[in-house]
Amino acid sequence: MHMLEQLVKQFKALGEPTRLKIIKLLQDKELCVCELEALLEMNQPRISQHLKVLKEAGLVKERKIKQWSYVSLSALLADGKLSAFEHFMDSSLGDIEDLSAECQRLQVWEEVNAISCSECDCK
């Protein structure tokens, strides 16, 4: 999956209040799905649907012990930061494959704009 696609999926997953609550509840410790049900006062199918979206976005991980499912934050949310977004913002524009066309257009625009600005003496 490309970097932008991954980020869009993650931000969509985080763009829902219940899922944000789940992420915050998991910040300090792993919780059983039954604990999430009680804390959020929701039934198991609703919690499971939210967890499915968070898992597909790579934000949480789940492990099973007998009939219980335990959920915790994935490494993508290490230290409470979305590492993929941090990497995205720390990368130079030219290093992001998904933005190569925009990078090229920006370079052309800057060259054209610099010429026109020097001609009109607007700097």
PDB file of N, CA and C in Angstrom:
ATOM      1  N   MET A   1       0.848  -1.176   0.000  1.00  0.00           N
ATOM      2  CA  MET A   1       0.000   0.000   0.000  1.00  0.00           C
ATOM      3  C   MET A   1       0.894   1.239   0.000  1.00  0.00           C
ATOM      4  N   HIS A   2       0.551   2.208  -0.821  1.00  0.00           N
ATOM      5  CA  HIS A   2       1.319   3.448  -0.893  1.00  0.00           C
ATOM      6  C   HIS A   2       1.130   4.269   0.378  1.00  0.00           C
ATOM      7  N   MET A   3       2.097   5.126   0.628  1.00  0.00           N
ATOM      8  CA  MET A   3       2.102   5.917   1.854  1.00  0.00           C
ATOM      9  C   MET A   3       0.816   6.740   2.007  1.00  0.00           C
ATOM     10  N   LEU A   4       0.392   7.424   0.930  1.00  0.00           N
ATOM     11  CA  LEU A   4      -0.812   8.250   1.033  1.00  0.00           C
ATOM     12  C   LEU A   4      -2.045   7.398   1.306  1.00  0.00           C
ATOM     13  N   GLU A   5      -2.159   6.267   0.643  1.00  0.00           N
ATOM     14  CA  GLU A   5      -3.299   5.373   0.865  1.00  0.00           C
ATOM     15  C   GLU A   5      -3.345   4.915   2.320  1.00  0.00           C
ATOM     16  N   GLN A   6      -2.179   4.567   2.855  1.00  0.00           N
ATOM     17  CA  GLN A   6      -2.104   4.117   4.241  1.00  0.00           C
ATOM     18  C   GLN A   6      -2.549   5.227   5.192  1.00  0.00           C
ATOM     19  N   LEU A   7      -2.070   6.430   4.955  1.00  0.00           N
ATOM     20  CA  LEU A   7      -2.434   7.549   5.822  1.00  0.00           C
ATOM     21  C   LEU A   7      -3.920   7.870   5.735  1.00  0.00           C
ATOM     22  N   VAL A   8      -4.480   7.836   4.532  1.00  0.00           N
ATOM     23  CA  VAL A   8      -5.908   8.102   4.370  1.00  0.00           C
ATOM     24  C   VAL A   8      -6.716   7.074   5.157  1.00  0.00           C
ATOM     25  N   LYS A   9      -6.330   5.813   5.048  1.00  0.00           N
ATOM     26  CA  LYS A   9      -7.036   4.746   5.767  1.00  0.00           C
ATOM     27  C   LYS A   9      -6.936   4.960   7.282  1.00  0.00           C
ATOM     28  N   GLN A  10      -5.766   5.346   7.755  1.00  0.00           N
ATOM     29  CA  GLN A  10      -5.571   5.566   9.182  1.00  0.00           C
ATOM     30  C   GLN A  10      -6.360   6.766   9.682  1.00  0.00           C
ATOM     31  N   PHE A  11      -6.343   7.856   8.919  1.00  0.00           N
ATOM     32  CA  PHE A  11      -7.082   9.036   9.353  1.00  0.00           C
ATOM     33  C   PHE A  11      -8.589   8.807   9.286  1.00  0.00           C
ATOM     34  N   LYS A  12      -9.053   8.050   8.313  1.00  0.00           N
ATOM     35  CA  LYS A  12     -10.481   7.705   8.269  1.00  0.00           C
ATOM     36  C   LYS A  12     -10.849   6.872   9.495  1.00  0.00           C
ATOM     37  N   ALA A  13      -9.993   5.942   9.849  1.00  0.00           N
ATOM     38  CA  ALA A  13     -10.255   5.115  11.028  1.00  0.00           C
ATOM     39  C   ALA A  13     -10.296   5.969  12.292  1.00  0.00           C
ATOM     40  N   LEU A  14      -9.449   6.969  12.350  1.00  0.00           N
ATOM     41  CA  LEU A  14      -9.390   7.836  13.528  1.00  0.00           C
ATOM     42  C   LEU A  14     -10.454   8.929  13.507  1.00  0.00           C
ATOM     43  N   GLY A  15     -11.147   9.070  12.385  1.00  0.00           N
ATOM     44  CA  GLY A  15     -12.125  10.138  12.230  1.00  0.00           C
ATOM     45  C   GLY A  15     -13.496   9.813  12.789  1.00  0.00           C
ATOM     46  N   GLU A  16     -13.566   8.960  13.763  1.00  0.00           N
ATOM     47  CA  GLU A  16     -14.839   8.560  14.364  1.00  0.00           C
ATOM     48  C   GLU A  16     -14.657   8.581  15.881  1.00  0.00           C
ATOM     49  N   PRO A  17     -15.538   9.236  16.625  1.00  0.00           N
ATOM     50  CA  PRO A  17     -15.335   9.411  18.068  1.00  0.00           C
ATOM     51  C   PRO A  17     -15.145   8.122  18.871  1.00  0.00           C
ATOM     52  N   THR A  18     -15.911   7.090  18.584  1.00  0.00           N
ATOM     53  CA  THR A  18     -15.762   5.847  19.355  1.00  0.00           C
ATOM     54  C   THR A  18     -14.391   5.236  19.131  1.00  0.00           C
ATOM     55  N   ARG A  19     -13.912   5.270  17.904  1.00  0.00           N
ATOM     56  CA  ARG A  19     -12.592   4.697  17.629  1.00  0.00           C
ATOM     57  C   ARG A  19     -11.485   5.514  18.297  1.00  0.00           C
ATOM     58  N   LEU A  20     -11.661   6.826  18.361  1.00  0.00           N
ATOM     59  CA  LEU A  20     -10.687   7.648  19.094  1.00  0.00           C
ATOM     60  C   LEU A  20     -10.702   7.304  20.576  1.00  0.00           C
ATOM     61  N   LYS A  21     -11.884   7.063  21.123  1.00  0.00           N
ATOM     62  CA  LYS A  21     -11.980   6.656  22.529  1.00  0.00           C
ATOM     63  C   LYS A  21     -11.256   5.333  22.749  1.00  0.00           C
ATOM     64  N   ILE A  22     -11.435   4.393  21.839  1.00  0.00           N
ATOM     65  CA  ILE A  22     -10.765   3.093  21.953  1.00  0.00           C
ATOM     66  C   ILE A  22      -9.256   3.286  21.945  1.00  0.00           C
ATOM     67  N   ILE A  23      -8.758   4.091  21.021  1.00  0.00           N
ATOM     68  CA  ILE A  23      -7.317   4.352  20.936  1.00  0.00           C
ATOM     69  C   ILE A  23      -6.809   4.943  22.249  1.00  0.00           C
ATOM     70  N   LYS A  24      -7.536   5.887  22.794  1.00  0.00           N
ATOM     71  CA  LYS A  24      -7.105   6.522  24.046  1.00  0.00           C
ATOM     72  C   LYS A  24      -7.136   5.530  25.202  1.00  0.00           C
ATOM     73  N   LEU A  25      -8.175   4.697  25.254  1.00  0.00           N
ATOM     74  CA  LEU A  25      -8.254   3.684  26.311  1.00  0.00           C
ATOM     75  C   LEU A  25      -7.097   2.683  26.220  1.00  0.00           C
ATOM     76  N   LEU A  26      -6.647   2.417  25.015  1.00  0.00           N
ATOM     77  CA  LEU A  26      -5.564   1.448  24.821  1.00  0.00           C
ATOM     78  C   LEU A  26      -4.175   2.071  24.975  1.00  0.00           C
ATOM     79  N   GLN A  27      -4.126   3.375  25.149  1.00  0.00           N
ATOM     80  CA  GLN A  27      -2.833   4.055  25.211  1.00  0.00           C
ATOM     81  C   GLN A  27      -1.936   3.516  26.325  1.00  0.00           C
ATOM     82  N   ASP A  28      -2.528   3.218  27.465  1.00  0.00           N
ATOM     83  CA  ASP A  28      -1.711   2.807  28.611  1.00  0.00           C
ATOM     84  C   ASP A  28      -1.628   1.306  28.808  1.00  0.00           C
ATOM     85  N   LYS A  29      -2.646   0.564  28.273  1.00  0.00           N
ATOM     86  CA  LYS A  29      -2.594  -0.881  28.500  1.00  0.00           C
ATOM     87  C   LYS A  29      -3.504  -1.629  27.540  1.00  0.00           C
ATOM     88  N   GLU A  30      -3.185  -2.866  27.387  1.00  0.00           N
ATOM     89  CA  GLU A  30      -3.988  -3.788  26.601  1.00  0.00           C
ATOM     90  C   GLU A  30      -5.312  -4.029  27.333  1.00  0.00           C
ATOM     91  N   LEU A  31      -6.400  -4.120  26.566  1.00  0.00           N
ATOM     92  CA  LEU A  31      -7.706  -4.384  27.172  1.00  0.00           C
ATOM     93  C   LEU A  31      -8.390  -5.544  26.460  1.00  0.00           C
ATOM     94  N   CYS A  32      -9.172  -6.268  27.218  1.00  0.00           N
ATOM     95  CA  CYS A  32     -10.001  -7.330  26.658  1.00  0.00           C
ATOM     96  C   CYS A  32     -11.195  -6.662  25.968  1.00  0.00           C
ATOM     97  N   VAL A  33     -11.702  -7.280  24.915  1.00  0.00           N
ATOM     98  CA  VAL A  33     -12.867  -6.743  24.226  1.00  0.00           C
ATOM     99  C   VAL A  33     -14.027  -6.573  25.212  1.00  0.00           C
ATOM    100  N   CYS A  34     -14.181  -7.502  26.138  1.00  0.00           N
ATOM    101  CA  CYS A  34     -15.260  -7.390  27.130  1.00  0.00           C
ATOM    102  C   CYS A  34     -15.068  -6.153  28.014  1.00  0.00           C
ATOM    103  N   GLU A  35     -13.825  -5.763  28.281  1.00  0.00           N
ATOM    104  CA  GLU A  35     -13.572  -4.547  29.047  1.00  0.00           C
ATOM    105  C   GLU A  35     -13.970  -3.310  28.240  1.00  0.00           C
ATOM    106  N   LEU A  36     -13.661  -3.333  26.940  1.00  0.00           N
ATOM    107  CA  LEU A  36     -14.065  -2.220  26.080  1.00  0.00           C
ATOM    108  C   LEU A  36     -15.584  -2.099  26.025  1.00  0.00           C
ATOM    109  N   GLU A  37     -16.263  -3.242  25.967  1.00  0.00           N
ATOM    110  CA  GLU A  37     -17.733  -3.230  25.976  1.00  0.00           C
ATOM    111  C   GLU A  37     -18.249  -2.512  27.221  1.00  0.00           C
ATOM    112  N   ALA A  38     -17.716  -2.869  28.363  1.00  0.00           N
ATOM    113  CA  ALA A  38     -18.172  -2.277  29.625  1.00  0.00           C
ATOM    114  C   ALA A  38     -17.803  -0.797  29.712  1.00  0.00           C
ATOM    115  N   LEU A  39     -16.591  -0.452  29.359  1.00  0.00           N
ATOM    116  CA  LEU A  39     -16.135   0.930  29.463  1.00  0.00           C
ATOM    117  C   LEU A  39     -16.896   1.866  28.522  1.00  0.00           C
ATOM    118  N   LEU A  40     -17.186   1.371  27.320  1.00  0.00           N
ATOM    119  CA  LEU A  40     -17.868   2.199  26.334  1.00  0.00           C
ATOM    120  C   LEU A  40     -19.388   2.012  26.334  1.00  0.00           C
ATOM    121  N   GLU A  41     -19.845   1.090  27.158  1.00  0.00           N
ATOM    122  CA  GLU A  41     -21.273   0.766  27.243  1.00  0.00           C
ATOM    123  C   GLU A  41     -21.867   0.480  25.866  1.00  0.00           C
ATOM    124  N   MET A  42     -21.191  -0.443  25.162  1.00  0.00           N
ATOM    125  CA  MET A  42     -21.610  -0.865  23.822  1.00  0.00           C
ATOM    126  C   MET A  42     -21.624  -2.369  23.765  1.00  0.00           C
ATOM    127  N   ASN A  43     -22.418  -2.901  22.854  1.00  0.00           N
ATOM    128  CA  ASN A  43     -22.457  -4.353  22.714  1.00  0.00           C
ATOM    129  C   ASN A  43     -21.260  -4.848  21.899  1.00  0.00           C
ATOM    130  N   GLN A  44     -21.012  -6.132  22.007  1.00  0.00           N
ATOM    131  CA  GLN A  44     -19.843  -6.745  21.373  1.00  0.00           C
ATOM    132  C   GLN A  44     -19.804  -6.548  19.860  1.00  0.00           C
ATOM    133  N   PRO A  45     -20.916  -6.702  19.128  1.00  0.00           N
ATOM    134  CA  PRO A  45     -20.835  -6.492  17.677  1.00  0.00           C
ATOM    135  C   PRO A  45     -20.391  -5.076  17.282  1.00  0.00           C
ATOM    136  N   ARG A  46     -20.850  -4.078  18.010  1.00  0.00           N
ATOM    137  CA  ARG A  46     -20.434  -2.698  17.697  1.00  0.00           C
ATOM    138  C   ARG A  46     -18.955  -2.489  17.991  1.00  0.00           C
ATOM    139  N   ILE A  47     -18.496  -2.991  19.129  1.00  0.00           N
ATOM    140  CA  ILE A  47     -17.073  -2.884  19.465  1.00  0.00           C
ATOM    141  C   ILE A  47     -16.245  -3.613  18.415  1.00  0.00           C
ATOM    142  N   SER A  48     -16.670  -4.806  18.043  1.00  0.00           N
ATOM    143  CA  SER A  48     -15.934  -5.595  17.046  1.00  0.00           C
ATOM    144  C   SER A  48     -15.839  -4.880  15.706  1.00  0.00           C
ATOM    145  N   GLN A  49     -16.904  -4.202  15.308  1.00  0.00           N
ATOM    146  CA  GLN A  49     -16.879  -3.459  14.046  1.00  0.00           C
ATOM    147  C   GLN A  49     -15.862  -2.323  14.099  1.00  0.00           C
ATOM    148  N   HIS A  50     -15.832  -1.594  15.197  1.00  0.00           N
ATOM    149  CA  HIS A  50     -14.849  -0.519  15.354  1.00  0.00           C
ATOM    150  C   HIS A  50     -13.432  -1.087  15.370  1.00  0.00           C
ATOM    151  N   LEU A  51     -13.243  -2.195  16.073  1.00  0.00           N
ATOM    152  CA  LEU A  51     -11.907  -2.809  16.127  1.00  0.00           C
ATOM    153  C   LEU A  51     -11.471  -3.309  14.759  1.00  0.00           C
ATOM    154  N   LYS A  52     -12.396  -3.802  13.981  1.00  0.00           N
ATOM    155  CA  LYS A  52     -12.079  -4.268  12.622  1.00  0.00           C
ATOM    156  C   LYS A  52     -11.512  -3.117  11.790  1.00  0.00           C
ATOM    157  N   VAL A  53     -12.140  -1.958  11.853  1.00  0.00           N
ATOM    158  CA  VAL A  53     -11.667  -0.787  11.106  1.00  0.00           C
ATOM    159  C   VAL A  53     -10.277  -0.381  11.592  1.00  0.00           C
ATOM    160  N   LEU A  54     -10.081  -0.368  12.902  1.00  0.00           N
ATOM    161  CA  LEU A  54      -8.782   0.009  13.463  1.00  0.00           C
ATOM    162  C   LEU A  54      -7.701  -1.006  13.099  1.00  0.00           C
ATOM    163  N   LYS A  55      -8.054  -2.294  13.080  1.00  0.00           N
ATOM    164  CA  LYS A  55      -7.081  -3.336  12.703  1.00  0.00           C
ATOM    165  C   LYS A  55      -6.716  -3.219  11.229  1.00  0.00           C
ATOM    166  N   GLU A  56      -7.721  -3.004  10.372  1.00  0.00           N
ATOM    167  CA  GLU A  56      -7.452  -2.871   8.940  1.00  0.00           C
ATOM    168  C   GLU A  56      -6.573  -1.673   8.637  1.00  0.00           C
ATOM    169  N   ALA A  57      -6.654  -0.641   9.463  1.00  0.00           N
ATOM    170  CA  ALA A  57      -5.802   0.535   9.304  1.00  0.00           C
ATOM    171  C   ALA A  57      -4.430   0.324   9.935  1.00  0.00           C
ATOM    172  N   GLY A  58      -4.251  -0.808  10.613  1.00  0.00           N
ATOM    173  CA  GLY A  58      -2.964  -1.116  11.228  1.00  0.00           C
ATOM    174  C   GLY A  58      -2.714  -0.390  12.533  1.00  0.00           C
ATOM    175  N   LEU A  59      -3.766   0.120  13.164  1.00  0.00           N
ATOM    176  CA  LEU A  59      -3.598   0.921  14.372  1.00  0.00           C
ATOM    177  C   LEU A  59      -3.667   0.119  15.658  1.00  0.00           C
ATOM    178  N   VAL A  60      -4.348  -1.015  15.627  1.00  0.00           N
ATOM    179  CA  VAL A  60      -4.406  -1.883  16.802  1.00  0.00           C
ATOM    180  C   VAL A  60      -4.079  -3.312  16.386  1.00  0.00           C
ATOM    181  N   LYS A  61      -3.706  -4.087  17.379  1.00  0.00           N
ATOM    182  CA  LYS A  61      -3.461  -5.512  17.149  1.00  0.00           C
ATOM    183  C   LYS A  61      -4.260  -6.291  18.184  1.00  0.00           C
ATOM    184  N   GLU A  62      -4.544  -7.519  17.854  1.00  0.00           N
ATOM    185  CA  GLU A  62      -5.379  -8.339  18.720  1.00  0.00           C
ATOM    186  C   GLU A  62      -4.703  -9.685  18.931  1.00  0.00           C
ATOM    187  N   ARG A  63      -4.830 -10.183  20.139  1.00  0.00           N
ATOM    188  CA  ARG A  63      -4.346 -11.533  20.428  1.00  0.00           C
ATOM    189  C   ARG A  63      -5.429 -12.259  21.207  1.00  0.00           C
ATOM    190  N   LYS A  64      -5.486 -13.551  21.026  1.00  0.00           N
ATOM    191  CA  LYS A  64      -6.526 -14.349  21.672  1.00  0.00           C
ATOM    192  C   LYS A  64      -5.903 -15.265  22.714  1.00  0.00           C
ATOM    193  N   ILE A  65      -6.579 -15.357  23.837  1.00  0.00           N
ATOM    194  CA  ILE A  65      -6.231 -16.325  24.874  1.00  0.00           C
ATOM    195  C   ILE A  65      -7.534 -17.045  25.199  1.00  0.00           C
ATOM    196  N   LYS A  66      -7.590 -18.287  24.778  1.00  0.00           N
ATOM    197  CA  LYS A  66      -8.806 -19.090  24.900  1.00  0.00           C
ATOM    198  C   LYS A  66      -9.950 -18.362  24.211  1.00  0.00           C
ATOM    199  N   GLN A  67     -11.018 -18.030  24.934  1.00  0.00           N
ATOM    200  CA  GLN A  67     -12.158 -17.377  24.293  1.00  0.00           C
ATOM    201  C   GLN A  67     -12.088 -15.852  24.379  1.00  0.00           C
ATOM    202  N   TRP A  68     -11.050 -15.290  24.985  1.00  0.00           N
ATOM    203  CA  TRP A  68     -10.934 -13.854  25.154  1.00  0.00           C
ATOM    204  C   TRP A  68     -10.009 -13.241  24.106  1.00  0.00           C
ATOM    205  N   SER A  69     -10.401 -12.067  23.652  1.00  0.00           N
ATOM    206  CA  SER A  69      -9.587 -11.296  22.706  1.00  0.00           C
ATOM    207  C   SER A  69      -9.065 -10.061  23.417  1.00  0.00           C
ATOM    208  N   TYR A  70      -7.763  -9.868  23.325  1.00  0.00           N
ATOM    209  CA  TYR A  70      -7.112  -8.714  23.931  1.00  0.00           C
ATOM    210  C   TYR A  70      -6.597  -7.802  22.826  1.00  0.00           C
ATOM    211  N   VAL A  71      -6.807  -6.506  23.021  1.00  0.00           N
ATOM    212  CA  VAL A  71      -6.457  -5.520  21.996  1.00  0.00           C
ATOM    213  C   VAL A  71      -5.444  -4.544  22.575  1.00  0.00           C
ATOM    214  N   SER A  72      -4.478  -4.153  21.748  1.00  0.00           N
ATOM    215  CA  SER A  72      -3.491  -3.160  22.147  1.00  0.00           C
ATOM    216  C   SER A  72      -3.133  -2.310  20.933  1.00  0.00           C
ATOM    217  N   LEU A  73      -2.458  -1.203  21.186  1.00  0.00           N
ATOM    218  CA  LEU A  73      -2.027  -0.340  20.092  1.00  0.00           C
ATOM    219  C   LEU A  73      -0.913  -1.013  19.309  1.00  0.00           C
ATOM    220  N   SER A  74      -0.886  -0.770  18.021  1.00  0.00           N
ATOM    221  CA  SER A  74       0.183  -1.314  17.187  1.00  0.00           C
ATOM    222  C   SER A  74       1.414  -0.415  17.279  1.00  0.00           C
ATOM    223  N   ALA A  75       2.492  -0.871  16.688  1.00  0.00           N
ATOM    224  CA  ALA A  75       3.730  -0.095  16.673  1.00  0.00           C
ATOM    225  C   ALA A  75       3.564   1.213  15.897  1.00  0.00           C
ATOM    226  N   LEU A  76       2.558   1.276  15.003  1.00  0.00           N
ATOM    227  CA  LEU A  76       2.320   2.511  14.253  1.00  0.00           C
ATOM    228  C   LEU A  76       1.957   3.676  15.160  1.00  0.00           C
ATOM    229  N   LEU A  77       1.442   3.367  16.328  1.00  0.00           N
ATOM    230  CA  LEU A  77       1.076   4.413  17.288  1.00  0.00           C
ATOM    231  C   LEU A  77       2.050   4.451  18.460  1.00  0.00           C
ATOM    232  N   ALA A  78       3.280   4.133  18.192  1.00  0.00           N
ATOM    233  CA  ALA A  78       4.305   4.138  19.231  1.00  0.00           C
ATOM    234  C   ALA A  78       4.389   5.517  19.867  1.00  0.00           C
ATOM    235  N   ASP A  79       4.488   5.547  21.154  1.00  0.00           N
ATOM    236  CA  ASP A  79       4.602   6.794  21.925  1.00  0.00           C
ATOM    237  C   ASP A  79       3.438   7.746  21.663  1.00  0.00           C
ATOM    238  N   GLY A  80       2.284   7.202  21.270  1.00  0.00           N
ATOM    239  CA  GLY A  80       1.117   8.047  21.035  1.00  0.00           C
ATOM    240  C   GLY A  80       1.188   8.851  19.759  1.00  0.00           C
ATOM    241  N   LYS A  81       2.148   8.555  18.898  1.00  0.00           N
ATOM    242  CA  LYS A  81       2.294   9.284  17.640  1.00  0.00           C
ATOM    243  C   LYS A  81       2.000   8.340  16.484  1.00  0.00           C
ATOM    244  N   LEU A  82       1.418   8.864  15.446  1.00  0.00           N
ATOM    245  CA  LEU A  82       1.166   8.089  14.244  1.00  0.00           C
ATOM    246  C   LEU A  82       2.453   8.098  13.427  1.00  0.00           C
ATOM    247  N   SER A  83       3.242   7.042  13.561  1.00  0.00           N
ATOM    248  CA  SER A  83       4.585   7.027  12.982  1.00  0.00           C
ATOM    249  C   SER A  83       4.583   7.199  11.467  1.00  0.00           C
ATOM    250  N   ALA A  84       3.569   6.683  10.775  1.00  0.00           N
ATOM    251  CA  ALA A  84       3.512   6.833   9.326  1.00  0.00           C
ATOM    252  C   ALA A  84       3.355   8.305   8.947  1.00  0.00           C
ATOM    253  N   PHE A  85       2.551   9.036   9.714  1.00  0.00           N
ATOM    254  CA  PHE A  85       2.375  10.458   9.428  1.00  0.00           C
ATOM    255  C   PHE A  85       3.635  11.235   9.766  1.00  0.00           C
ATOM    256  N   GLU A  86       4.261  10.866  10.856  1.00  0.00           N
ATOM    257  CA  GLU A  86       5.515  11.520  11.239  1.00  0.00           C
ATOM    258  C   GLU A  86       6.570  11.306  10.148  1.00  0.00           C
ATOM    259  N   HIS A  87       6.655  10.089   9.624  1.00  0.00           N
ATOM    260  CA  HIS A  87       7.587   9.791   8.536  1.00  0.00           C
ATOM    261  C   HIS A  87       7.227  10.600   7.285  1.00  0.00           C
ATOM    262  N   PHE A  88       5.935  10.682   6.983  1.00  0.00           N
ATOM    263  CA  PHE A  88       5.448  11.441   5.839  1.00  0.00           C
ATOM    264  C   PHE A  88       5.883  12.900   5.948  1.00  0.00           C
ATOM    265  N   MET A  89       5.682  13.496   7.103  1.00  0.00           N
ATOM    266  CA  MET A  89       6.023  14.904   7.288  1.00  0.00           C
ATOM    267  C   MET A  89       7.530  15.146   7.328  1.00  0.00           C
ATOM    268  N   ASP A  90       8.285  14.167   7.791  1.00  0.00           N
ATOM    269  CA  ASP A  90       9.740  14.308   7.852  1.00  0.00           C
ATOM    270  C   ASP A  90      10.419  14.067   6.506  1.00  0.00           C
ATOM    271  N   SER A  91       9.730  13.419   5.580  1.00  0.00           N
ATOM    272  CA  SER A  91      10.298  13.121   4.263  1.00  0.00           C
ATOM    273  C   SER A  91      10.293  14.366   3.391  1.00  0.00           C
ATOM    274  N   SER A  92      11.285  14.450   2.523  1.00  0.00           N
ATOM    275  CA  SER A  92      11.264  15.551   1.563  1.00  0.00           C
ATOM    276  C   SER A  92      10.246  15.220   0.478  1.00  0.00           C
ATOM    277  N   LEU A  93       9.707  16.226  -0.144  1.00  0.00           N
ATOM    278  CA  LEU A  93       8.676  16.047  -1.157  1.00  0.00           C
ATOM    279  C   LEU A  93       9.133  15.093  -2.264  1.00  0.00           C
ATOM    280  N   GLY A  94      10.373  15.212  -2.681  1.00  0.00           N
ATOM    281  CA  GLY A  94      10.898  14.367  -3.752  1.00  0.00           C
ATOM    282  C   GLY A  94      11.066  12.909  -3.365  1.00  0.00           C
ATOM    283  N   ASP A  95      11.073  12.625  -2.073  1.00  0.00           N
ATOM    284  CA  ASP A  95      11.247  11.245  -1.611  1.00  0.00           C
ATOM    285  C   ASP A  95       9.935  10.470  -1.504  1.00  0.00           C
ATOM    286  N   ILE A  96       8.805  11.147  -1.702  1.00  0.00           N
ATOM    287  CA  ILE A  96       7.502  10.496  -1.578  1.00  0.00           C
ATOM    288  C   ILE A  96       6.988  10.154  -2.966  1.00  0.00           C
ATOM    289  N   GLU A  97       7.009   8.875  -3.268  1.00  0.00           N
ATOM    290  CA  GLU A  97       6.630   8.404  -4.597  1.00  0.00           C
ATOM    291  C   GLU A  97       5.241   8.899  -5.009  1.00  0.00           C
ATOM    292  N   ASP A  98       4.306   8.917  -4.075  1.00  0.00           N
ATOM    293  CA  ASP A  98       2.938   9.338  -4.370  1.00  0.00           C
ATOM    294  C   ASP A  98       2.842  10.808  -4.779  1.00  0.00           C
ATOM    295  N   LEU A  99       3.868  11.579  -4.496  1.00  0.00           N
ATOM    296  CA  LEU A  99       3.845  13.011  -4.802  1.00  0.00           C
ATOM    297  C   LEU A  99       4.863  13.413  -5.865  1.00  0.00           C
ATOM    298  N   SER A 100       5.353  12.450  -6.635  1.00  0.00           N
ATOM    299  CA  SER A 100       6.390  12.762  -7.625  1.00  0.00           C
ATOM    300  C   SER A 100       5.886  13.729  -8.695  1.00  0.00           C
ATOM    301  N   ALA A 101       4.656  13.559  -9.162  1.00  0.00           N
ATOM    302  CA  ALA A 101       4.114  14.465 -10.186  1.00  0.00           C
ATOM    303  C   ALA A 101       3.971  15.874  -9.627  1.00  0.00           C
ATOM    304  N   GLU A 102       3.490  15.993  -8.397  1.00  0.00           N
ATOM    305  CA  GLU A 102       3.328  17.296  -7.768  1.00  0.00           C
ATOM    306  C   GLU A 102       4.683  17.960  -7.542  1.00  0.00           C
ATOM    307  N   CYS A 103       5.669  17.163  -7.192  1.00  0.00           N
ATOM    308  CA  CYS A 103       7.020  17.679  -6.980  1.00  0.00           C
ATOM    309  C   CYS A 103       7.570  18.268  -8.278  1.00  0.00           C
ATOM    310  N   GLN A 104       7.383  17.545  -9.372  1.00  0.00           N
ATOM    311  CA  GLN A 104       7.846  18.037 -10.678  1.00  0.00           C
ATOM    312  C   GLN A 104       7.116  19.313 -11.074  1.00  0.00           C
ATOM    313  N   ARG A 105       5.803  19.356 -10.878  1.00  0.00           N
ATOM    314  CA  ARG A 105       5.039  20.561 -11.207  1.00  0.00           C
ATOM    315  C   ARG A 105       5.466  21.738 -10.340  1.00  0.00           C
ATOM    316  N   LEU A 106       5.772  21.488  -9.075  1.00  0.00           N
ATOM    317  CA  LEU A 106       6.226  22.539  -8.182  1.00  0.00           C
ATOM    318  C   LEU A 106       7.558  23.117  -8.661  1.00  0.00           C
ATOM    319  N   GLN A 107       8.464  22.233  -9.073  1.00  0.00           N
ATOM    320  CA  GLN A 107       9.754  22.707  -9.566  1.00  0.00           C
ATOM    321  C   GLN A 107       9.583  23.593 -10.790  1.00  0.00           C
ATOM    322  N   VAL A 108       8.726  23.182 -11.719  1.00  0.00           N
ATOM    323  CA  VAL A 108       8.463  23.980 -12.922  1.00  0.00           C
ATOM    324  C   VAL A 108       7.811  25.299 -12.528  1.00  0.00           C
ATOM    325  N   TRP A 109       6.825  25.236 -11.636  1.00  0.00           N
ATOM    326  CA  TRP A 109       6.134  26.445 -11.206  1.00  0.00           C
ATOM    327  C   TRP A 109       7.098  27.429 -10.565  1.00  0.00           C
ATOM    328  N   GLU A 110       8.000  26.907  -9.713  1.00  0.00           N
ATOM    329  CA  GLU A 110       8.968  27.790  -9.049  1.00  0.00           C
ATOM    330  C   GLU A 110       9.904  28.449 -10.061  1.00  0.00           C
ATOM    331  N   GLU A 111      10.317  27.686 -11.069  1.00  0.00           N
ATOM    332  CA  GLU A 111      11.193  28.256 -12.103  1.00  0.00           C
ATOM    333  C   GLU A 111      10.460  29.346 -12.870  1.00  0.00           C
ATOM    334  N   VAL A 112       9.241  29.086 -13.289  1.00  0.00           N
ATOM    335  CA  VAL A 112       8.456  30.064 -14.047  1.00  0.00           C
ATOM    336  C   VAL A 112       8.142  31.270 -13.174  1.00  0.00           C
ATOM    337  N   ASN A 113       7.746  31.022 -11.937  1.00  0.00           N
ATOM    338  CA  ASN A 113       7.385  32.104 -11.033  1.00  0.00           C
ATOM    339  C   ASN A 113       8.595  32.964 -10.700  1.00  0.00           C
ATOM    340  N   ALA A 114       9.740  32.358 -10.517  1.00  0.00           N
ATOM    341  CA  ALA A 114      10.951  33.115 -10.204  1.00  0.00           C
ATOM    342  C   ALA A 114      11.305  34.039 -11.361  1.00  0.00           C
ATOM    343  N   ILE A 115      11.143  33.561 -12.599  1.00  0.00           N
ATOM    344  CA  ILE A 115      11.442  34.390 -13.772  1.00  0.00           C
ATOM    345  C   ILE A 115      10.454  35.553 -13.843  1.00  0.00           C
ATOM    346  N   SER A 116       9.172  35.260 -13.702  1.00  0.00           N
ATOM    347  CA  SER A 116       8.179  36.330 -13.812  1.00  0.00           C
ATOM    348  C   SER A 116       8.307  37.316 -12.659  1.00  0.00           C
ATOM    349  N   CYS A 117       8.641  36.841 -11.471  1.00  0.00           N
ATOM    350  CA  CYS A 117       8.781  37.738 -10.335  1.00  0.00           C
ATOM    351  C   CYS A 117      10.006  38.630 -10.502  1.00  0.00           C
ATOM    352  N   SER A 118      11.070  38.092 -11.064  1.00  0.00           N
ATOM    353  CA  SER A 118      12.257  38.934 -11.273  1.00  0.00           C
ATOM    354  C   SER A 118      11.986  39.993 -12.340  1.00  0.00           C
ATOM    355  N   GLU A 119      11.136  39.664 -13.298  1.00  0.00           N
ATOM    356  CA  GLU A 119      10.785  40.616 -14.353  1.00  0.00           C
ATOM    357  C   GLU A 119       9.907  41.748 -13.818  1.00  0.00           C
ATOM    358  N   CYS A 120       9.007  41.427 -12.883  1.00  0.00           N
ATOM    359  CA  CYS A 120       8.097  42.458 -12.393  1.00  0.00           C
ATOM    360  C   CYS A 120       8.620  43.109 -11.116  1.00  0.00           C
ATOM    361  N   ASP A 121       9.728  42.633 -10.619  1.00  0.00           N
ATOM    362  CA  ASP A 121      10.377  43.218  -9.444  1.00  0.00           C
ATOM    363  C   ASP A 121       9.460  43.231  -8.215  1.00  0.00           C
ATOM    364  N   CYS A 122       8.750  42.098  -7.987  1.00  0.00           N
ATOM    365  CA  CYS A 122       7.815  42.034  -6.862  1.00  0.00           C
ATOM    366  C   CYS A 122       8.457  41.493  -5.596  1.00  0.00           C
ATOM    367  N   LYS A 123       9.694  41.106  -5.649  1.00  0.00           N
ATOM    368  CA  LYS A 123      10.331  40.529  -4.464  1.00  0.00           C
ATOM    369  C   LYS A 123      10.811  41.605  -3.521  1.00  0.00           C
TER     370      LYS A 123
END
